[in-house]
Amino acid sequence: MDQLTDDVRRLTGAYQQQPLEQLLGDIADTQSRAFSLLGGHVRPDQARDLYLLAGVASGLMAKASHDLGSPSDAMTQARAAYSAADNAGHDGLRAWVRGLQALVSYWSGQLVESARYARKGAEFARQTRGTSSVWLASSEARSLAAQGDVTGAQDAIDRATEAREHATGDELDELGGLCRFGRPRQLYYSADALAWGGGPVADRTEVLAGEALDAYAHAPAPERAFGDEAGTRCALAIARVHRGEIDGAAEAVAPVLELPSSKRIHGVVTAVDQVRRAVQAVEGGPVGGELHDRLHTFSSEPLTLPQ
């Protein structure tokens, strides 16, 4: 149990920082070991803890499938994680899995479903003190904004801020990494949401994206996340495009375009493509055309695992 707990904790942190190809086998092995232990003779208190760990490992597998651009497989793994949460009777895990489902739905364009998962998860989050409550409100914000409901998105952003004031952490937060929704991620989600609002909220989007990048720069190493930092830079680039600052947009997204192919996960590639579409929609001149071509090249080369 101690070894399994240590392995899950290590993987939740490493997932945000290391290429998936270095972790996928370890995650699959950890998930398998957790369910194998559940197949043996365990005490009820041990079973609860094992289901919690099995659920988190399944959640990591769901995130991996999502990052590889397979939302169907991601949802299959998420359902396994939710089943483990039910068996554990763990509202914090239920809320966290709903957050994963909201994330997968958002990046696959299923925006109504994404908002629905976020609201369903919020029902469980209210029974805990975990930061999943902040994640779910933030997820709903960007799903609503992507549907054109910027006012509803701002209300959800405000709810996320309120949830942050009451979140003291739960067992998921203790695992850290992907299981903890820190302030830098909250700022990123807010910027990502408002980026959908276009020119009228471009100034506010840029402020939030700048605050998120600063928060990441000063965050402890375990809270850094290359995917979310890349998404933040994309939100900043979109805000600058809406303000007519193509050169500024190119500067914002430049570090993203330098990511190696091993870190071109689905969410990052999709965010870069959103920047490309924003550039395409404005008259950017030669600089805009060059940036559009670079963004297109990046988006056409998503992560694939070596055979």
C-alpha atoms as a PDB file:
ATOM      1  CA  MET A   1       0.000   0.000   0.000  1.00  0.00           C
ATOM      2  CA  ASP A   2       2.745   2.447   0.928  1.00  0.00           C
ATOM      3  CA  GLN A   3       4.639   1.713  -2.268  1.00  0.00           C
ATOM      4  CA  LEU A   4       1.505   2.067  -4.382  1.00  0.00           C
ATOM      5  CA  THR A   5       0.645   5.369  -2.706  1.00  0.00           C
ATOM      6  CA  ASP A   6       4.156   6.666  -3.344  1.00  0.00           C
ATOM      7  CA  ASP A   7       3.969   5.592  -6.982  1.00  0.00           C
ATOM      8  CA  VAL A   8       0.624   7.315  -7.557  1.00  0.00           C
ATOM      9  CA  ARG A   9       1.855  10.490  -5.872  1.00  0.00           C
ATOM     10  CA  ARG A  10       5.005  10.478  -7.982  1.00  0.00           C
ATOM     11  CA  LEU A  11       3.065   9.987 -11.199  1.00  0.00           C
ATOM     12  CA  THR A  12       0.499  12.724 -10.523  1.00  0.00           C
ATOM     13  CA  GLY A  13       3.380  15.177 -10.215  1.00  0.00           C
ATOM     14  CA  ALA A  14       5.530  13.834 -13.031  1.00  0.00           C
ATOM     15  CA  TYR A  15       2.591  13.816 -15.437  1.00  0.00           C
ATOM     16  CA  GLN A  16       2.532  17.601 -15.647  1.00  0.00           C
ATOM     17  CA  GLN A  17       6.231  17.897 -16.390  1.00  0.00           C
ATOM     18  CA  GLN A  18       7.535  14.888 -18.290  1.00  0.00           C
ATOM     19  CA  PRO A  19       6.755  13.577 -21.791  1.00  0.00           C
ATOM     20  CA  LEU A  20       3.984  11.016 -21.818  1.00  0.00           C
ATOM     21  CA  GLU A  21       6.135   8.407 -23.536  1.00  0.00           C
ATOM     22  CA  GLN A  22       8.315   8.288 -20.404  1.00  0.00           C
ATOM     23  CA  LEU A  23       5.355   7.687 -18.077  1.00  0.00           C
ATOM     24  CA  LEU A  24       2.642   5.730 -19.868  1.00  0.00           C
ATOM     25  CA  GLY A  25       4.021   2.263 -19.122  1.00  0.00           C
ATOM     26  CA  ASP A  26       4.502   3.149 -15.468  1.00  0.00           C
ATOM     27  CA  ILE A  27       0.964   4.526 -15.188  1.00  0.00           C
ATOM     28  CA  ALA A  28      -0.535   1.410 -16.790  1.00  0.00           C
ATOM     29  CA  ASP A  29       1.500  -0.834 -14.481  1.00  0.00           C
ATOM     30  CA  THR A  30       0.406   1.142 -11.416  1.00  0.00           C
ATOM     31  CA  GLN A  31      -3.243   0.926 -12.439  1.00  0.00           C
ATOM     32  CA  SER A  32      -2.907  -2.822 -12.983  1.00  0.00           C
ATOM     33  CA  ARG A  33      -1.251  -3.358  -9.593  1.00  0.00           C
ATOM     34  CA  ALA A  34      -3.986  -1.419  -7.813  1.00  0.00           C
ATOM     35  CA  PHE A  35      -6.783  -3.483  -9.327  1.00  0.00           C
ATOM     36  CA  SER A  36      -4.829  -6.702  -8.774  1.00  0.00           C
ATOM     37  CA  LEU A  37      -4.556  -5.942  -5.079  1.00  0.00           C
ATOM     38  CA  LEU A  38      -8.293  -5.331  -4.982  1.00  0.00           C
ATOM     39  CA  GLY A  39      -8.785  -8.832  -6.361  1.00  0.00           C
ATOM     40  CA  GLY A  40      -7.162 -10.309  -3.279  1.00  0.00           C
ATOM     41  CA  HIS A  41      -8.246 -10.436   0.337  1.00  0.00           C
ATOM     42  CA  VAL A  42      -8.186  -6.923   1.767  1.00  0.00           C
ATOM     43  CA  ARG A  43      -9.767  -5.291   4.810  1.00  0.00           C
ATOM     44  CA  PRO A  44     -12.608  -2.805   4.201  1.00  0.00           C
ATOM     45  CA  ASP A  45     -10.408   0.145   5.192  1.00  0.00           C
ATOM     46  CA  GLN A  46      -7.692  -1.059   2.812  1.00  0.00           C
ATOM     47  CA  ALA A  47     -10.232  -1.551   0.036  1.00  0.00           C
ATOM     48  CA  ARG A  48     -11.315   2.086   0.290  1.00  0.00           C
ATOM     49  CA  ASP A  49      -7.742   3.316  -0.012  1.00  0.00           C
ATOM     50  CA  LEU A  50      -7.008   0.923  -2.862  1.00  0.00           C
ATOM     51  CA  TYR A  51     -10.083   2.053  -4.783  1.00  0.00           C
ATOM     52  CA  LEU A  52      -8.957   5.650  -4.306  1.00  0.00           C
ATOM     53  CA  LEU A  53      -5.518   4.852  -5.718  1.00  0.00           C
ATOM     54  CA  ALA A  54      -6.981   2.737  -8.530  1.00  0.00           C
ATOM     55  CA  GLY A  55      -9.324   5.596  -9.381  1.00  0.00           C
ATOM     56  CA  VAL A  56      -6.519   8.132  -9.586  1.00  0.00           C
ATOM     57  CA  ALA A  57      -4.404   5.758 -11.700  1.00  0.00           C
ATOM     58  CA  SER A  58      -7.374   5.251 -14.021  1.00  0.00           C
ATOM     59  CA  GLY A  59      -7.778   9.017 -14.164  1.00  0.00           C
ATOM     60  CA  LEU A  60      -4.159   9.355 -15.243  1.00  0.00           C
ATOM     61  CA  MET A  61      -4.811   6.775 -17.960  1.00  0.00           C
ATOM     62  CA  ALA A  62      -7.835   8.824 -19.034  1.00  0.00           C
ATOM     63  CA  LYS A  63      -5.676  11.943 -19.247  1.00  0.00           C
ATOM     64  CA  ALA A  64      -3.085  10.007 -21.244  1.00  0.00           C
ATOM     65  CA  SER A  65      -5.695   8.857 -23.765  1.00  0.00           C
ATOM     66  CA  HIS A  66      -6.939  12.425 -24.045  1.00  0.00           C
ATOM     67  CA  ASP A  67      -3.422  13.758 -24.593  1.00  0.00           C
ATOM     68  CA  LEU A  68      -2.982  11.230 -27.390  1.00  0.00           C
ATOM     69  CA  GLY A  69      -6.113  12.585 -29.068  1.00  0.00           C
ATOM     70  CA  SER A  70      -8.451   9.689 -28.237  1.00  0.00           C
ATOM     71  CA  PRO A  71     -11.451  11.116 -26.324  1.00  0.00           C
ATOM     72  CA  SER A  72     -13.390   7.842 -26.577  1.00  0.00           C
ATOM     73  CA  ASP A  73     -10.639   5.886 -24.827  1.00  0.00           C
ATOM     74  CA  ALA A  74     -10.268   8.717 -22.335  1.00  0.00           C
ATOM     75  CA  MET A  75     -13.933   8.491 -21.389  1.00  0.00           C
ATOM     76  CA  THR A  76     -13.690   4.707 -21.023  1.00  0.00           C
ATOM     77  CA  GLN A  77     -10.844   5.105 -18.534  1.00  0.00           C
ATOM     78  CA  ALA A  78     -12.711   7.929 -16.784  1.00  0.00           C
ATOM     79  CA  ARG A  79     -15.717   5.657 -16.290  1.00  0.00           C
ATOM     80  CA  ALA A  80     -13.415   3.093 -14.667  1.00  0.00           C
ATOM     81  CA  ALA A  81     -12.100   5.855 -12.403  1.00  0.00           C
ATOM     82  CA  TYR A  82     -15.635   6.909 -11.501  1.00  0.00           C
ATOM     83  CA  SER A  83     -16.592   3.315 -10.706  1.00  0.00           C
ATOM     84  CA  ALA A  84     -13.613   3.162  -8.346  1.00  0.00           C
ATOM     85  CA  ALA A  85     -14.794   6.400  -6.733  1.00  0.00           C
ATOM     86  CA  ASP A  86     -18.225   4.880  -6.174  1.00  0.00           C
ATOM     87  CA  ASN A  87     -16.710   1.768  -4.638  1.00  0.00           C
ATOM     88  CA  ALA A  88     -14.595   3.936  -2.362  1.00  0.00           C
ATOM     89  CA  GLY A  89     -17.575   6.136  -1.491  1.00  0.00           C
ATOM     90  CA  HIS A  90     -15.249   9.089  -2.106  1.00  0.00           C
ATOM     91  CA  ASP A  91     -16.915  12.383  -3.110  1.00  0.00           C
ATOM     92  CA  GLY A  92     -13.560  14.051  -3.686  1.00  0.00           C
ATOM     93  CA  LEU A  93     -12.605  11.412  -6.252  1.00  0.00           C
ATOM     94  CA  ARG A  94     -16.046  11.625  -7.855  1.00  0.00           C
ATOM     95  CA  ALA A  95     -15.606  15.393  -8.225  1.00  0.00           C
ATOM     96  CA  TRP A  96     -12.087  15.006  -9.637  1.00  0.00           C
ATOM     97  CA  VAL A  97     -13.179  12.456 -12.235  1.00  0.00           C
ATOM     98  CA  ARG A  98     -16.027  14.740 -13.343  1.00  0.00           C
ATOM     99  CA  GLY A  99     -13.370  17.404 -13.781  1.00  0.00           C
ATOM    100  CA  LEU A 100     -11.435  15.073 -16.068  1.00  0.00           C
ATOM    101  CA  GLN A 101     -14.573  14.346 -18.071  1.00  0.00           C
ATOM    102  CA  ALA A 102     -15.262  18.071 -18.389  1.00  0.00           C
ATOM    103  CA  LEU A 103     -11.692  18.587 -19.624  1.00  0.00           C
ATOM    104  CA  VAL A 104     -11.862  15.812 -22.214  1.00  0.00           C
ATOM    105  CA  SER A 105     -15.224  17.069 -23.466  1.00  0.00           C
ATOM    106  CA  TYR A 106     -13.990  20.661 -23.710  1.00  0.00           C
ATOM    107  CA  TRP A 107     -10.969  19.865 -25.844  1.00  0.00           C
ATOM    108  CA  SER A 108     -12.975  17.537 -28.092  1.00  0.00           C
ATOM    109  CA  GLY A 109     -15.520  20.290 -28.782  1.00  0.00           C
ATOM    110  CA  GLN A 110     -18.351  18.746 -26.729  1.00  0.00           C
ATOM    111  CA  LEU A 111     -19.006  22.024 -24.932  1.00  0.00           C
ATOM    112  CA  VAL A 112     -22.505  21.351 -23.595  1.00  0.00           C
ATOM    113  CA  GLU A 113     -21.327  18.013 -22.214  1.00  0.00           C
ATOM    114  CA  SER A 114     -18.276  19.673 -20.689  1.00  0.00           C
ATOM    115  CA  ALA A 115     -20.416  22.175 -18.784  1.00  0.00           C
ATOM    116  CA  ARG A 116     -22.749  19.367 -17.709  1.00  0.00           C
ATOM    117  CA  TYR A 117     -19.896  17.305 -16.280  1.00  0.00           C
ATOM    118  CA  ALA A 118     -18.570  20.367 -14.457  1.00  0.00           C
ATOM    119  CA  ARG A 119     -21.945  21.001 -12.818  1.00  0.00           C
ATOM    120  CA  LYS A 120     -22.388  17.348 -11.880  1.00  0.00           C
ATOM    121  CA  GLY A 121     -18.955  17.315 -10.306  1.00  0.00           C
ATOM    122  CA  ALA A 122     -19.715  20.474  -8.350  1.00  0.00           C
ATOM    123  CA  GLU A 123     -22.475  18.588  -6.523  1.00  0.00           C
ATOM    124  CA  PHE A 124     -19.867  16.241  -5.048  1.00  0.00           C
ATOM    125  CA  ALA A 125     -17.249  18.944  -4.568  1.00  0.00           C
ATOM    126  CA  ARG A 126     -19.585  20.753  -2.193  1.00  0.00           C
ATOM    127  CA  GLN A 127     -19.248  17.771   0.146  1.00  0.00           C
ATOM    128  CA  THR A 128     -15.460  18.148   0.328  1.00  0.00           C
ATOM    129  CA  ARG A 129     -12.823  20.774   1.027  1.00  0.00           C
ATOM    130  CA  GLY A 130     -10.765  19.925  -2.036  1.00  0.00           C
ATOM    131  CA  THR A 131      -9.583  22.203  -4.829  1.00  0.00           C
ATOM    132  CA  SER A 132     -11.666  20.218  -7.320  1.00  0.00           C
ATOM    133  CA  SER A 133     -14.430  22.704  -6.489  1.00  0.00           C
ATOM    134  CA  VAL A 134     -12.252  25.440  -8.008  1.00  0.00           C
ATOM    135  CA  TRP A 135     -11.420  23.263 -11.007  1.00  0.00           C
ATOM    136  CA  LEU A 136     -15.043  22.474 -11.773  1.00  0.00           C
ATOM    137  CA  ALA A 137     -16.200  26.103 -11.635  1.00  0.00           C
ATOM    138  CA  SER A 138     -13.235  27.122 -13.786  1.00  0.00           C
ATOM    139  CA  SER A 139     -14.015  24.340 -16.267  1.00  0.00           C
ATOM    140  CA  GLU A 140     -17.615  25.441 -16.517  1.00  0.00           C
ATOM    141  CA  ALA A 141     -16.429  28.998 -17.164  1.00  0.00           C
ATOM    142  CA  ARG A 142     -14.466  28.155 -20.257  1.00  0.00           C
ATOM    143  CA  SER A 143     -17.081  25.754 -21.605  1.00  0.00           C
ATOM    144  CA  LEU A 144     -19.723  28.481 -21.313  1.00  0.00           C
ATOM    145  CA  ALA A 145     -17.422  31.071 -22.871  1.00  0.00           C
ATOM    146  CA  ALA A 146     -16.707  28.772 -25.809  1.00  0.00           C
ATOM    147  CA  GLN A 147     -20.471  28.601 -26.357  1.00  0.00           C
ATOM    148  CA  GLY A 148     -20.655  32.394 -26.457  1.00  0.00           C
ATOM    149  CA  ASP A 149     -21.962  32.906 -22.922  1.00  0.00           C
ATOM    150  CA  VAL A 150     -19.276  35.275 -21.648  1.00  0.00           C
ATOM    151  CA  THR A 151     -21.536  36.611 -18.882  1.00  0.00           C
ATOM    152  CA  GLY A 152     -22.174  33.092 -17.577  1.00  0.00           C
ATOM    153  CA  ALA A 153     -18.463  32.394 -17.840  1.00  0.00           C
ATOM    154  CA  GLN A 154     -17.628  35.420 -15.706  1.00  0.00           C
ATOM    155  CA  ASP A 155     -20.146  34.256 -13.090  1.00  0.00           C
ATOM    156  CA  ALA A 156     -18.422  30.851 -13.042  1.00  0.00           C
ATOM    157  CA  ILE A 157     -15.005  32.539 -12.708  1.00  0.00           C
ATOM    158  CA  ASP A 158     -16.366  34.418  -9.690  1.00  0.00           C
ATOM    159  CA  ARG A 159     -17.619  31.133  -8.210  1.00  0.00           C
ATOM    160  CA  ALA A 160     -14.163  29.637  -8.692  1.00  0.00           C
ATOM    161  CA  THR A 161     -12.665  32.566  -6.794  1.00  0.00           C
ATOM    162  CA  GLU A 162     -15.144  32.033  -3.961  1.00  0.00           C
ATOM    163  CA  ALA A 163     -14.447  28.292  -3.931  1.00  0.00           C
ATOM    164  CA  ARG A 164     -10.719  29.009  -3.608  1.00  0.00           C
ATOM    165  CA  GLU A 165     -11.395  30.879  -0.354  1.00  0.00           C
ATOM    166  CA  HIS A 166     -13.007  27.779   1.183  1.00  0.00           C
ATOM    167  CA  ALA A 167     -10.773  25.034  -0.258  1.00  0.00           C
ATOM    168  CA  THR A 168      -8.412  23.683   2.376  1.00  0.00           C
ATOM    169  CA  GLY A 169      -7.539  20.438   0.589  1.00  0.00           C
ATOM    170  CA  ASP A 170      -8.536  16.774   0.727  1.00  0.00           C
ATOM    171  CA  GLU A 171      -6.912  13.404   0.022  1.00  0.00           C
ATOM    172  CA  LEU A 172      -6.643  14.204  -3.677  1.00  0.00           C
ATOM    173  CA  ASP A 173      -4.855  17.470  -2.959  1.00  0.00           C
ATOM    174  CA  GLU A 174      -2.415  15.605  -0.742  1.00  0.00           C
ATOM    175  CA  LEU A 175      -1.361  13.569  -3.772  1.00  0.00           C
ATOM    176  CA  GLY A 176      -0.480  16.848  -5.502  1.00  0.00           C
ATOM    177  CA  GLY A 177       0.335  17.358  -9.153  1.00  0.00           C
ATOM    178  CA  LEU A 178      -2.590  16.733 -11.462  1.00  0.00           C
ATOM    179  CA  CYS A 179      -4.827  16.050  -8.451  1.00  0.00           C
ATOM    180  CA  ARG A 180      -4.418  19.564  -7.079  1.00  0.00           C
ATOM    181  CA  PHE A 181      -5.888  22.609  -8.806  1.00  0.00           C
ATOM    182  CA  GLY A 182      -3.531  25.399  -7.813  1.00  0.00           C
ATOM    183  CA  ARG A 183      -3.869  29.135  -8.335  1.00  0.00           C
ATOM    184  CA  PRO A 184      -1.710  29.225 -11.502  1.00  0.00           C
ATOM    185  CA  ARG A 185      -4.070  26.766 -13.198  1.00  0.00           C
ATOM    186  CA  GLN A 186      -7.065  28.770 -12.017  1.00  0.00           C
ATOM    187  CA  LEU A 187      -5.663  31.926 -13.608  1.00  0.00           C
ATOM    188  CA  TYR A 188      -4.926  30.016 -16.812  1.00  0.00           C
ATOM    189  CA  TYR A 189      -8.474  28.658 -17.036  1.00  0.00           C
ATOM    190  CA  SER A 190      -9.873  32.157 -16.493  1.00  0.00           C
ATOM    191  CA  ALA A 191      -7.689  33.566 -19.269  1.00  0.00           C
ATOM    192  CA  ASP A 192      -8.593  30.662 -21.548  1.00  0.00           C
ATOM    193  CA  ALA A 193     -12.268  31.304 -20.907  1.00  0.00           C
ATOM    194  CA  LEU A 194     -12.148  35.028 -21.621  1.00  0.00           C
ATOM    195  CA  ALA A 195     -10.051  34.476 -24.742  1.00  0.00           C
ATOM    196  CA  TRP A 196     -13.291  33.266 -26.328  1.00  0.00           C
ATOM    197  CA  GLY A 197     -14.818  36.710 -25.683  1.00  0.00           C
ATOM    198  CA  GLY A 198     -12.722  38.405 -28.345  1.00  0.00           C
ATOM    199  CA  GLY A 199     -11.882  42.084 -28.482  1.00  0.00           C
ATOM    200  CA  PRO A 200     -14.258  43.381 -25.778  1.00  0.00           C
ATOM    201  CA  VAL A 201     -12.443  41.396 -23.078  1.00  0.00           C
ATOM    202  CA  ALA A 202      -8.989  41.209 -24.694  1.00  0.00           C
ATOM    203  CA  ASP A 203      -7.426  43.538 -22.122  1.00  0.00           C
ATOM    204  CA  ARG A 204      -8.747  41.466 -19.223  1.00  0.00           C
ATOM    205  CA  THR A 205      -7.651  38.258 -20.935  1.00  0.00           C
ATOM    206  CA  GLU A 206      -4.117  39.582 -21.286  1.00  0.00           C
ATOM    207  CA  VAL A 207      -4.000  40.613 -17.627  1.00  0.00           C
ATOM    208  CA  LEU A 208      -5.138  37.177 -16.456  1.00  0.00           C
ATOM    209  CA  ALA A 209      -2.733  35.372 -18.784  1.00  0.00           C
ATOM    210  CA  GLY A 210       0.126  37.544 -17.554  1.00  0.00           C
ATOM    211  CA  GLU A 211      -0.791  36.812 -13.937  1.00  0.00           C
ATOM    212  CA  ALA A 212      -0.932  33.089 -14.711  1.00  0.00           C
ATOM    213  CA  LEU A 213       2.497  33.077 -16.351  1.00  0.00           C
ATOM    214  CA  ASP A 214       3.943  35.008 -13.418  1.00  0.00           C
ATOM    215  CA  ALA A 215       2.308  32.586 -10.968  1.00  0.00           C
ATOM    216  CA  TYR A 216       3.776  29.614 -12.831  1.00  0.00           C
ATOM    217  CA  ALA A 217       7.203  31.234 -12.936  1.00  0.00           C
ATOM    218  CA  HIS A 218       7.203  31.582  -9.147  1.00  0.00           C
ATOM    219  CA  ALA A 219       5.410  28.320  -8.336  1.00  0.00           C
ATOM    220  CA  PRO A 220       7.207  25.395  -6.680  1.00  0.00           C
ATOM    221  CA  ALA A 221       8.474  22.868  -9.205  1.00  0.00           C
ATOM    222  CA  PRO A 222       5.704  20.306  -8.456  1.00  0.00           C
ATOM    223  CA  GLU A 223       3.059  22.871  -9.521  1.00  0.00           C
ATOM    224  CA  ARG A 224       4.619  23.585 -12.913  1.00  0.00           C
ATOM    225  CA  ALA A 225       2.760  22.111 -15.876  1.00  0.00           C
ATOM    226  CA  PHE A 226       4.111  22.469 -19.402  1.00  0.00           C
ATOM    227  CA  GLY A 227       0.704  21.872 -20.998  1.00  0.00           C
ATOM    228  CA  ASP A 228      -1.118  24.495 -18.944  1.00  0.00           C
ATOM    229  CA  GLU A 229       1.702  27.005 -19.338  1.00  0.00           C
ATOM    230  CA  ALA A 230       1.516  26.490 -23.091  1.00  0.00           C
ATOM    231  CA  GLY A 231      -2.247  26.992 -22.975  1.00  0.00           C
ATOM    232  CA  THR A 232      -1.739  30.218 -21.041  1.00  0.00           C
ATOM    233  CA  ARG A 233       0.609  31.526 -23.713  1.00  0.00           C
ATOM    234  CA  CYS A 234      -1.951  30.659 -26.368  1.00  0.00           C
ATOM    235  CA  ALA A 235      -4.648  32.603 -24.509  1.00  0.00           C
ATOM    236  CA  LEU A 236      -2.263  35.555 -24.274  1.00  0.00           C
ATOM    237  CA  ALA A 237      -1.525  35.319 -28.000  1.00  0.00           C
ATOM    238  CA  ILE A 238      -5.250  35.294 -28.855  1.00  0.00           C
ATOM    239  CA  ALA A 239      -5.827  38.381 -26.706  1.00  0.00           C
ATOM    240  CA  ARG A 240      -3.051  40.197 -28.554  1.00  0.00           C
ATOM    241  CA  VAL A 241      -4.403  39.133 -31.928  1.00  0.00           C
ATOM    242  CA  HIS A 242      -7.765  40.653 -31.011  1.00  0.00           C
ATOM    243  CA  ARG A 243      -5.932  43.865 -30.137  1.00  0.00           C
ATOM    244  CA  GLY A 244      -4.194  43.873 -33.500  1.00  0.00           C
ATOM    245  CA  GLU A 245      -0.779  43.082 -32.010  1.00  0.00           C
ATOM    246  CA  ILE A 246       0.405  40.287 -34.286  1.00  0.00           C
ATOM    247  CA  ASP A 247       4.058  40.734 -33.335  1.00  0.00           C
ATOM    248  CA  GLY A 248       3.082  40.502 -29.655  1.00  0.00           C
ATOM    249  CA  ALA A 249       1.073  37.365 -30.353  1.00  0.00           C
ATOM    250  CA  ALA A 250       4.057  35.797 -32.108  1.00  0.00           C
ATOM    251  CA  GLU A 251       6.237  36.635 -29.097  1.00  0.00           C
ATOM    252  CA  ALA A 252       3.718  35.110 -26.672  1.00  0.00           C
ATOM    253  CA  VAL A 253       3.388  31.821 -28.513  1.00  0.00           C
ATOM    254  CA  ALA A 254       7.053  31.424 -29.533  1.00  0.00           C
ATOM    255  CA  PRO A 255       8.030  29.196 -26.546  1.00  0.00           C
ATOM    256  CA  VAL A 256       5.072  26.927 -27.307  1.00  0.00           C
ATOM    257  CA  LEU A 257       6.176  26.415 -30.891  1.00  0.00           C
ATOM    258  CA  GLU A 258       9.568  25.313 -29.582  1.00  0.00           C
ATOM    259  CA  LEU A 259       8.101  22.417 -27.581  1.00  0.00           C
ATOM    260  CA  PRO A 260       9.518  19.071 -28.711  1.00  0.00           C
ATOM    261  CA  SER A 261       7.174  16.655 -30.444  1.00  0.00           C
ATOM    262  CA  SER A 262       7.077  14.535 -27.263  1.00  0.00           C
ATOM    263  CA  LYS A 263       5.198  17.372 -25.499  1.00  0.00           C
ATOM    264  CA  ARG A 264       2.733  18.204 -28.266  1.00  0.00           C
ATOM    265  CA  ILE A 265      -0.235  16.795 -26.423  1.00  0.00           C
ATOM    266  CA  HIS A 266      -3.761  17.153 -27.757  1.00  0.00           C
ATOM    267  CA  GLY A 267      -4.707  20.158 -25.636  1.00  0.00           C
ATOM    268  CA  VAL A 268      -1.580  22.089 -26.607  1.00  0.00           C
ATOM    269  CA  VAL A 269      -2.016  21.341 -30.311  1.00  0.00           C
ATOM    270  CA  THR A 270      -5.681  22.374 -30.160  1.00  0.00           C
ATOM    271  CA  ALA A 271      -4.826  25.599 -28.317  1.00  0.00           C
ATOM    272  CA  VAL A 272      -2.198  26.449 -30.939  1.00  0.00           C
ATOM    273  CA  ASP A 273      -4.782  25.823 -33.655  1.00  0.00           C
ATOM    274  CA  GLN A 274      -7.124  28.249 -31.902  1.00  0.00           C
ATOM    275  CA  VAL A 275      -4.397  30.884 -32.154  1.00  0.00           C
ATOM    276  CA  ARG A 276      -4.012  30.040 -35.850  1.00  0.00           C
ATOM    277  CA  ARG A 277      -7.718  30.572 -36.466  1.00  0.00           C
ATOM    278  CA  ALA A 278      -7.610  33.905 -34.637  1.00  0.00           C
ATOM    279  CA  VAL A 279      -4.670  35.038 -36.780  1.00  0.00           C
ATOM    280  CA  GLN A 280      -6.425  33.861 -39.916  1.00  0.00           C
ATOM    281  CA  ALA A 281      -9.464  35.975 -39.042  1.00  0.00           C
ATOM    282  CA  VAL A 282      -7.527  39.266 -39.041  1.00  0.00           C
ATOM    283  CA  GLU A 283      -5.366  41.102 -41.519  1.00  0.00           C
ATOM    284  CA  GLY A 284      -1.877  40.466 -40.207  1.00  0.00           C
ATOM    285  CA  GLY A 285       0.262  41.293 -43.239  1.00  0.00           C
ATOM    286  CA  PRO A 286       3.527  39.406 -43.829  1.00  0.00           C
ATOM    287  CA  VAL A 287       4.100  38.821 -40.110  1.00  0.00           C
ATOM    288  CA  GLY A 288       0.611  37.416 -39.690  1.00  0.00           C
ATOM    289  CA  GLY A 289       1.084  35.139 -42.682  1.00  0.00           C
ATOM    290  CA  GLU A 290       4.382  33.834 -41.376  1.00  0.00           C
ATOM    291  CA  LEU A 291       2.921  33.237 -37.915  1.00  0.00           C
ATOM    292  CA  HIS A 292      -0.084  31.466 -39.418  1.00  0.00           C
ATOM    293  CA  ASP A 293       2.208  29.108 -41.316  1.00  0.00           C
ATOM    294  CA  ARG A 294       4.270  28.302 -38.212  1.00  0.00           C
ATOM    295  CA  LEU A 295       1.124  27.635 -36.179  1.00  0.00           C
ATOM    296  CA  HIS A 296      -0.275  25.405 -38.920  1.00  0.00           C
ATOM    297  CA  THR A 297       2.946  23.392 -39.084  1.00  0.00           C
ATOM    298  CA  PHE A 298       2.918  22.862 -35.318  1.00  0.00           C
ATOM    299  CA  SER A 299      -0.744  21.818 -35.256  1.00  0.00           C
ATOM    300  CA  SER A 300      -0.193  19.287 -38.015  1.00  0.00           C
ATOM    301  CA  GLU A 301       2.431  17.431 -35.973  1.00  0.00           C
ATOM    302  CA  PRO A 302       0.679  16.153 -32.800  1.00  0.00           C
ATOM    303  CA  LEU A 303       2.178  13.784 -30.277  1.00  0.00           C
ATOM    304  CA  THR A 304       2.520  10.169 -31.365  1.00  0.00           C
ATOM    305  CA  LEU A 305       4.174   7.499 -29.272  1.00  0.00           C
ATOM    306  CA  PRO A 306       7.091   5.590 -30.779  1.00  0.00           C
ATOM    307  CA  GLN A 307       6.198   2.117 -31.993  1.00  0.00           C
END
